Amino acid sequence: MTVSHQGYLKRTPISIYRSQRRGGSGAWHEDARGRFCLALIIDSTHAYLLCFTNSGRVYWVKVYEVPDVGAAGKGKSMQSLLDLQPGENVRAILPVRDLEEEASSSSSPRKRER
């Protein structure tokens, strides 16, 4: 999962990325429009993403529900993917493997309405 600084979320298979060899300098990717990666999340497609907003709400989405886009693709806006309220934006994203297991040890998060 890649989160852009403009609030776009996309899922890309890890097989797309190649390993860096000894002495390599790595790859910096910033496209012509100035978009760059803000966060990189590596997890299973069956995991959940808990998205915490500036208004104190928590939204969840399954990783497989995020569009599968290539390395150069833009992705989908978190505003439309999570049905955020006007003026609301995501401040933190936490990947969780099993929502029910986590909920039994703490208070359960709010589920996104469908």
PDB file of N, CA and C in Angstrom:
ATOM      1  N   MET A   1       0.848  -1.168   0.000  1.00  0.00           N
ATOM      2  CA  MET A   1       0.000   0.000   0.000  1.00  0.00           C
ATOM      3  C   MET A   1       0.895   1.232   0.000  1.00  0.00           C
ATOM      4  N   THR A   2       0.513   2.196  -0.813  1.00  0.00           N
ATOM      5  CA  THR A   2       1.236   3.450  -0.874  1.00  0.00           C
ATOM      6  C   THR A   2       0.264   4.588  -0.614  1.00  0.00           C
ATOM      7  N   VAL A   3       0.645   5.508   0.259  1.00  0.00           N
ATOM      8  CA  VAL A   3      -0.140   6.701   0.545  1.00  0.00           C
ATOM      9  C   VAL A   3       0.642   7.891   0.010  1.00  0.00           C
ATOM     10  N   SER A   4       0.031   8.656  -0.898  1.00  0.00           N
ATOM     11  CA  SER A   4       0.719   9.819  -1.453  1.00  0.00           C
ATOM     12  C   SER A   4       0.498  11.029  -0.552  1.00  0.00           C
ATOM     13  N   HIS A   5       1.308  12.028  -0.725  1.00  0.00           N
ATOM     14  CA  HIS A   5       1.182  13.237   0.092  1.00  0.00           C
ATOM     15  C   HIS A   5      -0.087  14.014  -0.247  1.00  0.00           C
ATOM     16  N   GLN A   6      -0.719  13.709  -1.376  1.00  0.00           N
ATOM     17  CA  GLN A   6      -1.958  14.369  -1.772  1.00  0.00           C
ATOM     18  C   GLN A   6      -3.205  13.622  -1.299  1.00  0.00           C
ATOM     19  N   GLY A   7      -3.018  12.513  -0.572  1.00  0.00           N
ATOM     20  CA  GLY A   7      -4.157  11.786  -0.032  1.00  0.00           C
ATOM     21  C   GLY A   7      -4.682  10.679  -0.912  1.00  0.00           C
ATOM     22  N   TYR A   8      -3.854  10.144  -1.796  1.00  0.00           N
ATOM     23  CA  TYR A   8      -4.257   9.031  -2.650  1.00  0.00           C
ATOM     24  C   TYR A   8      -3.690   7.729  -2.100  1.00  0.00           C
ATOM     25  N   LEU A   9      -4.476   6.676  -2.212  1.00  0.00           N
ATOM     26  CA  LEU A   9      -4.120   5.369  -1.686  1.00  0.00           C
ATOM     27  C   LEU A   9      -4.144   4.371  -2.833  1.00  0.00           C
ATOM     28  N   LYS A  10      -3.119   3.525  -2.907  1.00  0.00           N
ATOM     29  CA  LYS A  10      -3.102   2.498  -3.945  1.00  0.00           C
ATOM     30  C   LYS A  10      -2.435   1.245  -3.403  1.00  0.00           C
ATOM     31  N   ARG A  11      -2.789   0.130  -4.033  1.00  0.00           N
ATOM     32  CA  ARG A  11      -2.217  -1.171  -3.680  1.00  0.00           C
ATOM     33  C   ARG A  11      -1.386  -1.638  -4.866  1.00  0.00           C
ATOM     34  N   THR A  12      -0.158  -2.044  -4.592  1.00  0.00           N
ATOM     35  CA  THR A  12       0.741  -2.515  -5.634  1.00  0.00           C
ATOM     36  C   THR A  12       1.373  -3.819  -5.171  1.00  0.00           C
ATOM     37  N   PRO A  13       1.381  -4.851  -6.013  1.00  0.00           N
ATOM     38  CA  PRO A  13       2.017  -6.111  -5.605  1.00  0.00           C
ATOM     39  C   PRO A  13       3.504  -5.907  -5.320  1.00  0.00           C
ATOM     40  N   ILE A  14       3.999  -6.569  -4.309  1.00  0.00           N
ATOM     41  CA  ILE A  14       5.401  -6.428  -3.931  1.00  0.00           C
ATOM     42  C   ILE A  14       6.325  -6.974  -5.008  1.00  0.00           C
ATOM     43  N   SER A  15       5.803  -7.841  -5.872  1.00  0.00           N
ATOM     44  CA  SER A  15       6.619  -8.406  -6.951  1.00  0.00           C
ATOM     45  C   SER A  15       7.016  -7.345  -7.988  1.00  0.00           C
ATOM     46  N   ILE A  16       6.327  -6.208  -8.016  1.00  0.00           N
ATOM     47  CA  ILE A  16       6.655  -5.117  -8.940  1.00  0.00           C
ATOM     48  C   ILE A  16       8.005  -4.488  -8.576  1.00  0.00           C
ATOM     49  N   TYR A  17       8.279  -4.440  -7.291  1.00  0.00           N
ATOM     50  CA  TYR A  17       9.521  -3.811  -6.841  1.00  0.00           C
ATOM     51  C   TYR A  17      10.675  -4.803  -6.924  1.00  0.00           C
ATOM     52  N   ARG A  18      11.847  -4.335  -7.295  1.00  0.00           N
ATOM     53  CA  ARG A  18      13.013  -5.208  -7.371  1.00  0.00           C
ATOM     54  C   ARG A  18      13.927  -4.912  -6.194  1.00  0.00           C
ATOM     55  N   SER A  19      14.720  -5.911  -5.794  1.00  0.00           N
ATOM     56  CA  SER A  19      15.624  -5.703  -4.672  1.00  0.00           C
ATOM     57  C   SER A  19      16.842  -4.912  -5.129  1.00  0.00           C
ATOM     58  N   GLN A  20      17.367  -4.159  -4.213  1.00  0.00           N
ATOM     59  CA  GLN A  20      18.537  -3.340  -4.509  1.00  0.00           C
ATOM     60  C   GLN A  20      19.791  -4.178  -4.317  1.00  0.00           C
ATOM     61  N   ARG A  21      20.701  -4.084  -5.253  1.00  0.00           N
ATOM     62  CA  ARG A  21      21.956  -4.829  -5.170  1.00  0.00           C
ATOM     63  C   ARG A  21      22.980  -4.068  -4.341  1.00  0.00           C
ATOM     64  N   ARG A  22      24.044  -4.717  -4.034  1.00  0.00           N
ATOM     65  CA  ARG A  22      25.104  -4.125  -3.234  1.00  0.00           C
ATOM     66  C   ARG A  22      25.645  -2.859  -3.906  1.00  0.00           C
ATOM     67  N   GLY A  23      25.767  -1.812  -3.122  1.00  0.00           N
ATOM     68  CA  GLY A  23      26.313  -0.561  -3.645  1.00  0.00           C
ATOM     69  C   GLY A  23      25.320   0.284  -4.411  1.00  0.00           C
ATOM     70  N   GLY A  24      24.065  -0.145  -4.472  1.00  0.00           N
ATOM     71  CA  GLY A  24      23.055   0.623  -5.189  1.00  0.00           C
ATOM     72  C   GLY A  24      22.664   1.874  -4.428  1.00  0.00           C
ATOM     73  N   SER A  25      22.150   2.837  -5.133  1.00  0.00           N
ATOM     74  CA  SER A  25      21.756   4.092  -4.484  1.00  0.00           C
ATOM     75  C   SER A  25      20.253   4.172  -4.253  1.00  0.00           C
ATOM     76  N   GLY A  26      19.522   3.145  -4.649  1.00  0.00           N
ATOM     77  CA  GLY A  26      18.079   3.159  -4.450  1.00  0.00           C
ATOM     78  C   GLY A  26      17.384   3.941  -5.542  1.00  0.00           C
ATOM     79  N   ALA A  27      16.072   3.990  -5.472  1.00  0.00           N
ATOM     80  CA  ALA A  27      15.287   4.706  -6.474  1.00  0.00           C
ATOM     81  C   ALA A  27      14.410   5.728  -5.780  1.00  0.00           C
ATOM     82  N   TRP A  28      14.444   6.931  -6.225  1.00  0.00           N
ATOM     83  CA  TRP A  28      13.591   7.990  -5.713  1.00  0.00           C
ATOM     84  C   TRP A  28      12.542   8.241  -6.781  1.00  0.00           C
ATOM     85  N   HIS A  29      11.291   8.147  -6.395  1.00  0.00           N
ATOM     86  CA  HIS A  29      10.252   8.316  -7.398  1.00  0.00           C
ATOM     87  C   HIS A  29       9.403   9.536  -7.061  1.00  0.00           C
ATOM     88  N   GLU A  30       9.482  10.506  -7.929  1.00  0.00           N
ATOM     89  CA  GLU A  30       8.601  11.662  -7.880  1.00  0.00           C
ATOM     90  C   GLU A  30       8.214  11.926  -9.321  1.00  0.00           C
ATOM     91  N   ASP A  31       6.920  11.905  -9.605  1.00  0.00           N
ATOM     92  CA  ASP A  31       6.516  12.053 -10.997  1.00  0.00           C
ATOM     93  C   ASP A  31       6.522  13.524 -11.433  1.00  0.00           C
ATOM     94  N   ALA A  32       6.148  13.750 -12.667  1.00  0.00           N
ATOM     95  CA  ALA A  32       6.189  15.093 -13.248  1.00  0.00           C
ATOM     96  C   ALA A  32       5.244  16.067 -12.546  1.00  0.00           C
ATOM     97  N   ARG A  33       4.197  15.558 -11.917  1.00  0.00           N
ATOM     98  CA  ARG A  33       3.238  16.420 -11.218  1.00  0.00           C
ATOM     99  C   ARG A  33       3.668  16.714  -9.774  1.00  0.00           C
ATOM    100  N   GLY A  34       4.777  16.155  -9.336  1.00  0.00           N
ATOM    101  CA  GLY A  34       5.264  16.425  -7.985  1.00  0.00           C
ATOM    102  C   GLY A  34       4.691  15.518  -6.914  1.00  0.00           C
ATOM    103  N   ARG A  35       4.038  14.429  -7.300  1.00  0.00           N
ATOM    104  CA  ARG A  35       3.489  13.500  -6.314  1.00  0.00           C
ATOM    105  C   ARG A  35       4.613  12.623  -5.772  1.00  0.00           C
ATOM    106  N   PHE A  36       4.597  12.391  -4.474  1.00  0.00           N
ATOM    107  CA  PHE A  36       5.575  11.493  -3.888  1.00  0.00           C
ATOM    108  C   PHE A  36       4.924  10.686  -2.773  1.00  0.00           C
ATOM    109  N   CYS A  37       5.570   9.601  -2.391  1.00  0.00           N
ATOM    110  CA  CYS A  37       5.052   8.667  -1.392  1.00  0.00           C
ATOM    111  C   CYS A  37       5.243   9.230   0.012  1.00  0.00           C
ATOM    112  N   LEU A  38       4.171   9.270   0.784  1.00  0.00           N
ATOM    113  CA  LEU A  38       4.221   9.730   2.160  1.00  0.00           C
ATOM    114  C   LEU A  38       4.401   8.557   3.120  1.00  0.00           C
ATOM    115  N   ALA A  39       3.756   7.423   2.803  1.00  0.00           N
ATOM    116  CA  ALA A  39       3.849   6.238   3.657  1.00  0.00           C
ATOM    117  C   ALA A  39       3.778   4.986   2.796  1.00  0.00           C
ATOM    118  N   LEU A  40       4.468   3.951   3.246  1.00  0.00           N
ATOM    119  CA  LEU A  40       4.472   2.660   2.578  1.00  0.00           C
ATOM    120  C   LEU A  40       4.077   1.622   3.612  1.00  0.00           C
ATOM    121  N   ILE A  41       3.013   0.862   3.330  1.00  0.00           N
ATOM    122  CA  ILE A  41       2.501  -0.138   4.259  1.00  0.00           C
ATOM    123  C   ILE A  41       2.569  -1.492   3.574  1.00  0.00           C
ATOM    124  N   ILE A  42       3.230  -2.455   4.205  1.00  0.00           N
ATOM    125  CA  ILE A  42       3.334  -3.802   3.656  1.00  0.00           C
ATOM    126  C   ILE A  42       2.509  -4.726   4.544  1.00  0.00           C
ATOM    127  N   ASP A  43       1.471  -5.327   3.960  1.00  0.00           N
ATOM    128  CA  ASP A  43       0.590  -6.223   4.713  1.00  0.00           C
ATOM    129  C   ASP A  43      -0.176  -7.125   3.756  1.00  0.00           C
ATOM    130  N   SER A  44      -0.916  -8.047   4.311  1.00  0.00           N
ATOM    131  CA  SER A  44      -1.724  -8.987   3.550  1.00  0.00           C
ATOM    132  C   SER A  44      -2.947  -8.291   2.970  1.00  0.00           C
ATOM    133  N   THR A  45      -3.473  -8.833   1.876  1.00  0.00           N
ATOM    134  CA  THR A  45      -4.698  -8.265   1.302  1.00  0.00           C
ATOM    135  C   THR A  45      -5.913  -8.516   2.184  1.00  0.00           C
ATOM    136  N   HIS A  46      -5.803  -9.414   3.149  1.00  0.00           N
ATOM    137  CA  HIS A  46      -6.908  -9.697   4.062  1.00  0.00           C
ATOM    138  C   HIS A  46      -6.867  -8.849   5.321  1.00  0.00           C
ATOM    139  N   ALA A  47      -5.864  -7.998   5.443  1.00  0.00           N
ATOM    140  CA  ALA A  47      -5.739  -7.120   6.607  1.00  0.00           C
ATOM    141  C   ALA A  47      -6.703  -5.936   6.474  1.00  0.00           C
ATOM    142  N   TYR A  48      -6.875  -5.229   7.563  1.00  0.00           N
ATOM    143  CA  TYR A  48      -7.682  -4.014   7.603  1.00  0.00           C
ATOM    144  C   TYR A  48      -6.763  -2.808   7.727  1.00  0.00           C
ATOM    145  N   LEU A  49      -7.221  -1.681   7.216  1.00  0.00           N
ATOM    146  CA  LEU A  49      -6.550  -0.414   7.458  1.00  0.00           C
ATOM    147  C   LEU A  49      -7.489   0.427   8.312  1.00  0.00           C
ATOM    148  N   LEU A  50      -7.025   0.818   9.486  1.00  0.00           N
ATOM    149  CA  LEU A  50      -7.788   1.728  10.338  1.00  0.00           C
ATOM    150  C   LEU A  50      -7.302   3.133  10.032  1.00  0.00           C
ATOM    151  N   CYS A  51      -8.210   3.993   9.606  1.00  0.00           N
ATOM    152  CA  CYS A  51      -7.865   5.350   9.198  1.00  0.00           C
ATOM    153  C   CYS A  51      -8.438   6.334  10.215  1.00  0.00           C
ATOM    154  N   PHE A  52      -7.552   7.025  10.913  1.00  0.00           N
ATOM    155  CA  PHE A  52      -7.941   7.976  11.953  1.00  0.00           C
ATOM    156  C   PHE A  52      -7.963   9.372  11.350  1.00  0.00           C
ATOM    157  N   THR A  53      -9.049  10.119  11.601  1.00  0.00           N
ATOM    158  CA  THR A  53      -9.212  11.433  10.982  1.00  0.00           C
ATOM    159  C   THR A  53      -8.960  12.558  11.987  1.00  0.00           C
ATOM    160  N   ASN A  54      -8.906  13.774  11.454  1.00  0.00           N
ATOM    161  CA  ASN A  54      -8.682  14.950  12.292  1.00  0.00           C
ATOM    162  C   ASN A  54      -9.872  15.249  13.203  1.00  0.00           C
ATOM    163  N   SER A  55     -11.044  14.698  12.925  1.00  0.00           N
ATOM    164  CA  SER A  55     -12.216  14.933  13.773  1.00  0.00           C
ATOM    165  C   SER A  55     -12.414  13.835  14.817  1.00  0.00           C
ATOM    166  N   GLY A  56     -11.463  12.893  14.911  1.00  0.00           N
ATOM    167  CA  GLY A  56     -11.530  11.851  15.930  1.00  0.00           C
ATOM    168  C   GLY A  56     -12.285  10.606  15.509  1.00  0.00           C
ATOM    169  N   ARG A  57     -12.683  10.495  14.279  1.00  0.00           N
ATOM    170  CA  ARG A  57     -13.375   9.299  13.791  1.00  0.00           C
ATOM    171  C   ARG A  57     -12.372   8.267  13.306  1.00  0.00           C
ATOM    172  N   VAL A  58     -12.822   7.003  13.295  1.00  0.00           N
ATOM    173  CA  VAL A  58     -12.011   5.908  12.771  1.00  0.00           C
ATOM    174  C   VAL A  58     -12.812   5.214  11.683  1.00  0.00           C
ATOM    175  N   TYR A  59     -12.223   5.105  10.506  1.00  0.00           N
ATOM    176  CA  TYR A  59     -12.829   4.373   9.399  1.00  0.00           C
ATOM    177  C   TYR A  59     -11.962   3.153   9.135  1.00  0.00           C
ATOM    178  N   TRP A  60     -12.571   2.083   8.629  1.00  0.00           N
ATOM    179  CA  TRP A  60     -11.786   0.904   8.276  1.00  0.00           C
ATOM    180  C   TRP A  60     -12.102   0.492   6.855  1.00  0.00           C
ATOM    181  N   VAL A  61     -11.109  -0.114   6.240  1.00  0.00           N
ATOM    182  CA  VAL A  61     -11.255  -0.629   4.877  1.00  0.00           C
ATOM    183  C   VAL A  61     -10.364  -1.859   4.760  1.00  0.00           C
ATOM    184  N   LYS A  62     -10.838  -2.875   4.048  1.00  0.00           N
ATOM    185  CA  LYS A  62     -10.013  -4.054   3.786  1.00  0.00           C
ATOM    186  C   LYS A  62      -8.982  -3.679   2.726  1.00  0.00           C
ATOM    187  N   VAL A  63      -7.787  -4.225   2.840  1.00  0.00           N
ATOM    188  CA  VAL A  63      -6.718  -3.900   1.895  1.00  0.00           C
ATOM    189  C   VAL A  63      -7.115  -4.272   0.474  1.00  0.00           C
ATOM    190  N   TYR A  64      -7.805  -5.401   0.275  1.00  0.00           N
ATOM    191  CA  TYR A  64      -8.167  -5.802  -1.084  1.00  0.00           C
ATOM    192  C   TYR A  64      -9.208  -4.882  -1.717  1.00  0.00           C
ATOM    193  N   GLU A  65      -9.870  -4.016  -0.947  1.00  0.00           N
ATOM    194  CA  GLU A  65     -10.832  -3.059  -1.493  1.00  0.00           C
ATOM    195  C   GLU A  65     -10.157  -1.830  -2.099  1.00  0.00           C
ATOM    196  N   VAL A  66      -8.884  -1.640  -1.789  1.00  0.00           N
ATOM    197  CA  VAL A  66      -8.125  -0.527  -2.360  1.00  0.00           C
ATOM    198  C   VAL A  66      -7.719  -0.930  -3.776  1.00  0.00           C
ATOM    199  N   PRO A  67      -7.866  -0.036  -4.769  1.00  0.00           N
ATOM    200  CA  PRO A  67      -7.554  -0.396  -6.153  1.00  0.00           C
ATOM    201  C   PRO A  67      -6.109  -0.852  -6.339  1.00  0.00           C
ATOM    202  N   ASP A  68      -5.940  -1.903  -7.131  1.00  0.00           N
ATOM    203  CA  ASP A  68      -4.624  -2.436  -7.475  1.00  0.00           C
ATOM    204  C   ASP A  68      -4.108  -1.651  -8.673  1.00  0.00           C
ATOM    205  N   VAL A  69      -3.087  -0.835  -8.442  1.00  0.00           N
ATOM    206  CA  VAL A  69      -2.562   0.066  -9.462  1.00  0.00           C
ATOM    207  C   VAL A  69      -1.071  -0.194  -9.608  1.00  0.00           C
ATOM    208  N   GLY A  70      -0.537   0.015 -10.790  1.00  0.00           N
ATOM    209  CA  GLY A  70       0.891  -0.153 -11.023  1.00  0.00           C
ATOM    210  C   GLY A  70       1.711   0.882 -10.265  1.00  0.00           C
ATOM    211  N   ALA A  71       3.019   0.744 -10.354  1.00  0.00           N
ATOM    212  CA  ALA A  71       3.923   1.621  -9.613  1.00  0.00           C
ATOM    213  C   ALA A  71       3.783   3.089 -10.027  1.00  0.00           C
ATOM    214  N   ALA A  72       3.449   3.362 -11.275  1.00  0.00           N
ATOM    215  CA  ALA A  72       3.342   4.744 -11.754  1.00  0.00           C
ATOM    216  C   ALA A  72       1.925   5.303 -11.639  1.00  0.00           C
ATOM    217  N   GLY A  73       0.945   4.482 -11.228  1.00  0.00           N
ATOM    218  CA  GLY A  73      -0.440   4.932 -11.147  1.00  0.00           C
ATOM    219  C   GLY A  73      -0.690   5.865  -9.978  1.00  0.00           C
ATOM    220  N   LYS A  74      -1.786   6.605 -10.048  1.00  0.00           N
ATOM    221  CA  LYS A  74      -2.126   7.601  -9.040  1.00  0.00           C
ATOM    222  C   LYS A  74      -2.812   6.984  -7.826  1.00  0.00           C
ATOM    223  N   GLY A  75      -3.706   6.042  -8.035  1.00  0.00           N
ATOM    224  CA  GLY A  75      -4.474   5.460  -6.946  1.00  0.00           C
ATOM    225  C   GLY A  75      -5.846   6.084  -6.824  1.00  0.00           C
ATOM    226  N   LYS A  76      -6.484   5.916  -5.668  1.00  0.00           N
ATOM    227  CA  LYS A  76      -7.814   6.453  -5.433  1.00  0.00           C
ATOM    228  C   LYS A  76      -7.781   7.382  -4.228  1.00  0.00           C
ATOM    229  N   SER A  77      -8.519   8.449  -4.295  1.00  0.00           N
ATOM    230  CA  SER A  77      -8.561   9.425  -3.221  1.00  0.00           C
ATOM    231  C   SER A  77      -9.159   8.806  -1.956  1.00  0.00           C
ATOM    232  N   MET A  78      -8.514   9.053  -0.814  1.00  0.00           N
ATOM    233  CA  MET A  78      -9.052   8.542   0.450  1.00  0.00           C
ATOM    234  C   MET A  78     -10.379   9.203   0.776  1.00  0.00           C
ATOM    235  N   GLN A  79     -10.590  10.418   0.280  1.00  0.00           N
ATOM    236  CA  GLN A  79     -11.851  11.126   0.489  1.00  0.00           C
ATOM    237  C   GLN A  79     -13.019  10.307  -0.059  1.00  0.00           C
ATOM    238  N   SER A  80     -12.883   9.767  -1.261  1.00  0.00           N
ATOM    239  CA  SER A  80     -13.963   8.994  -1.868  1.00  0.00           C
ATOM    240  C   SER A  80     -13.952   7.534  -1.424  1.00  0.00           C
ATOM    241  N   LEU A  81     -12.785   6.982  -1.143  1.00  0.00           N
ATOM    242  CA  LEU A  81     -12.678   5.586  -0.729  1.00  0.00           C
ATOM    243  C   LEU A  81     -13.309   5.353   0.639  1.00  0.00           C
ATOM    244  N   LEU A  82     -13.174   6.312   1.551  1.00  0.00           N
ATOM    245  CA  LEU A  82     -13.692   6.165   2.916  1.00  0.00           C
ATOM    246  C   LEU A  82     -14.972   6.933   3.173  1.00  0.00           C
ATOM    247  N   ASP A  83     -15.459   7.679   2.212  1.00  0.00           N
ATOM    248  CA  ASP A  83     -16.649   8.530   2.371  1.00  0.00           C
ATOM    249  C   ASP A  83     -16.488   9.490   3.552  1.00  0.00           C
ATOM    250  N   LEU A  84     -15.397  10.248   3.534  1.00  0.00           N
ATOM    251  CA  LEU A  84     -15.114  11.211   4.598  1.00  0.00           C
ATOM    252  C   LEU A  84     -16.078  12.387   4.533  1.00  0.00           C
ATOM    253  N   GLN A  85     -16.309  13.010   5.670  1.00  0.00           N
ATOM    254  CA  GLN A  85     -17.152  14.191   5.763  1.00  0.00           C
ATOM    255  C   GLN A  85     -16.394  15.390   5.172  1.00  0.00           C
ATOM    256  N   PRO A  86     -17.096  16.440   4.747  1.00  0.00           N
ATOM    257  CA  PRO A  86     -16.412  17.637   4.231  1.00  0.00           C
ATOM    258  C   PRO A  86     -15.482  18.230   5.300  1.00  0.00           C
ATOM    259  N   GLY A  87     -14.268  18.555   4.911  1.00  0.00           N
ATOM    260  CA  GLY A  87     -13.292  19.118   5.834  1.00  0.00           C
ATOM    261  C   GLY A  87     -12.550  18.086   6.672  1.00  0.00           C
ATOM    262  N   GLU A  88     -12.922  16.832   6.528  1.00  0.00           N
ATOM    263  CA  GLU A  88     -12.290  15.760   7.300  1.00  0.00           C
ATOM    264  C   GLU A  88     -11.166  15.150   6.466  1.00  0.00           C
ATOM    265  N   ASN A  89     -10.013  14.898   7.078  1.00  0.00           N
ATOM    266  CA  ASN A  89      -8.922  14.247   6.369  1.00  0.00           C
ATOM    267  C   ASN A  89      -8.220  13.247   7.285  1.00  0.00           C
ATOM    268  N   VAL A  90      -7.575  12.291   6.661  1.00  0.00           N
ATOM    269  CA  VAL A  90      -6.925  11.201   7.391  1.00  0.00           C
ATOM    270  C   VAL A  90      -5.599  11.698   7.944  1.00  0.00           C
ATOM    271  N   ARG A  91      -5.382  11.471   9.250  1.00  0.00           N
ATOM    272  CA  ARG A  91      -4.148  11.881   9.922  1.00  0.00           C
ATOM    273  C   ARG A  91      -3.207  10.713  10.176  1.00  0.00           C
ATOM    274  N   ALA A  92      -3.766   9.497  10.361  1.00  0.00           N
ATOM    275  CA  ALA A  92      -2.926   8.323  10.634  1.00  0.00           C
ATOM    276  C   ALA A  92      -3.602   7.078  10.086  1.00  0.00           C
ATOM    277  N   ILE A  93      -2.775   6.120   9.642  1.00  0.00           N
ATOM    278  CA  ILE A  93      -3.269   4.839   9.138  1.00  0.00           C
ATOM    279  C   ILE A  93      -2.558   3.728   9.890  1.00  0.00           C
ATOM    280  N   LEU A  94      -3.331   2.785  10.404  1.00  0.00           N
ATOM    281  CA  LEU A  94      -2.779   1.674  11.166  1.00  0.00           C
ATOM    282  C   LEU A  94      -3.240   0.364  10.540  1.00  0.00           C
ATOM    283  N   PRO A  95      -2.328  -0.480  10.056  1.00  0.00           N
ATOM    284  CA  PRO A  95      -2.732  -1.786   9.524  1.00  0.00           C
ATOM    285  C   PRO A  95      -2.976  -2.765  10.668  1.00  0.00           C
ATOM    286  N   VAL A  96      -4.068  -3.540  10.574  1.00  0.00           N
ATOM    287  CA  VAL A  96      -4.441  -4.525  11.591  1.00  0.00           C
ATOM    288  C   VAL A  96      -4.790  -5.819  10.882  1.00  0.00           C
ATOM    289  N   ARG A  97      -4.223  -6.927  11.326  1.00  0.00           N
ATOM    290  CA  ARG A  97      -4.466  -8.222  10.676  1.00  0.00           C
ATOM    291  C   ARG A  97      -5.881  -8.740  10.921  1.00  0.00           C
ATOM    292  N   ASP A  98      -6.307  -8.755  12.185  1.00  0.00           N
ATOM    293  CA  ASP A  98      -7.609  -9.322  12.527  1.00  0.00           C
ATOM    294  C   ASP A  98      -8.356  -8.338  13.412  1.00  0.00           C
ATOM    295  N   LEU A  99      -9.403  -7.748  12.888  1.00  0.00           N
ATOM    296  CA  LEU A  99     -10.144  -6.716  13.601  1.00  0.00           C
ATOM    297  C   LEU A  99     -10.872  -7.275  14.822  1.00  0.00           C
ATOM    298  N   GLU A 100     -11.422  -8.485  14.724  1.00  0.00           N
ATOM    299  CA  GLU A 100     -12.147  -9.065  15.849  1.00  0.00           C
ATOM    300  C   GLU A 100     -11.200  -9.390  17.003  1.00  0.00           C
ATOM    301  N   GLU A 101     -10.011  -9.889  16.698  1.00  0.00           N
ATOM    302  CA  GLU A 101      -9.042 -10.213  17.740  1.00  0.00           C
ATOM    303  C   GLU A 101      -8.589  -8.949  18.458  1.00  0.00           C
ATOM    304  N   GLU A 102      -8.344  -7.888  17.707  1.00  0.00           N
ATOM    305  CA  GLU A 102      -7.935  -6.627  18.293  1.00  0.00           C
ATOM    306  C   GLU A 102      -9.076  -6.008  19.093  1.00  0.00           C
ATOM    307  N   ALA A 103     -10.318  -6.163  18.632  1.00  0.00           N
ATOM    308  CA  ALA A 103     -11.473  -5.571  19.298  1.00  0.00           C
ATOM    309  C   ALA A 103     -11.734  -6.218  20.647  1.00  0.00           C
ATOM    310  N   SER A 104     -11.404  -7.499  20.796  1.00  0.00           N
ATOM    311  CA  SER A 104     -11.658  -8.166  22.066  1.00  0.00           C
ATOM    312  C   SER A 104     -10.735  -7.659  23.168  1.00  0.00           C
ATOM    313  N   SER A 105      -9.561  -7.146  22.804  1.00  0.00           N
ATOM    314  CA  SER A 105      -8.632  -6.653  23.808  1.00  0.00           C
ATOM    315  C   SER A 105      -8.803  -5.158  24.085  1.00  0.00           C
ATOM    316  N   SER A 106      -9.568  -4.443  23.261  1.00  0.00           N
ATOM    317  CA  SER A 106      -9.828  -3.021  23.479  1.00  0.00           C
ATOM    318  C   SER A 106     -11.218  -2.688  22.956  1.00  0.00           C
ATOM    319  N   SER A 107     -11.574  -1.417  22.999  1.00  0.00           N
ATOM    320  CA  SER A 107     -12.894  -1.025  22.496  1.00  0.00           C
ATOM    321  C   SER A 107     -12.937  -1.177  20.980  1.00  0.00           C
ATOM    322  N   SER A 108     -14.076  -1.563  20.451  1.00  0.00           N
ATOM    323  CA  SER A 108     -14.187  -1.825  19.010  1.00  0.00           C
ATOM    324  C   SER A 108     -14.292  -0.520  18.234  1.00  0.00           C
ATOM    325  N   PRO A 109     -13.622  -0.438  17.068  1.00  0.00           N
ATOM    326  CA  PRO A 109     -13.691   0.764  16.245  1.00  0.00           C
ATOM    327  C   PRO A 109     -15.009   0.856  15.506  1.00  0.00           C
ATOM    328  N   ARG A 110     -15.311   2.054  15.049  1.00  0.00           N
ATOM    329  CA  ARG A 110     -16.520   2.275  14.262  1.00  0.00           C
ATOM    330  C   ARG A 110     -16.349   1.672  12.892  1.00  0.00           C
ATOM    331  N   LYS A 111     -17.357   0.988  12.428  1.00  0.00           N
ATOM    332  CA  LYS A 111     -17.295   0.413  11.079  1.00  0.00           C
ATOM    333  C   LYS A 111     -17.813   1.427  10.076  1.00  0.00           C
ATOM    334  N   ARG A 112     -17.239   1.372   8.908  1.00  0.00           N
ATOM    335  CA  ARG A 112     -17.654   2.247   7.819  1.00  0.00           C
ATOM    336  C   ARG A 112     -19.016   1.772   7.328  1.00  0.00           C
ATOM    337  N   GLU A 113     -19.919   2.711   7.115  1.00  0.00           N
ATOM    338  CA  GLU A 113     -21.239   2.347   6.585  1.00  0.00           C
ATOM    339  C   GLU A 113     -21.124   2.046   5.114  1.00  0.00           C
ATOM    340  N   ARG A 114     -21.876   1.095   4.654  1.00  0.00           N
ATOM    341  CA  ARG A 114     -21.864   0.726   3.235  1.00  0.00           C
ATOM    342  C   ARG A 114     -23.184   1.052   2.619  1.00  0.00           C
TER     343      ARG A 114
END
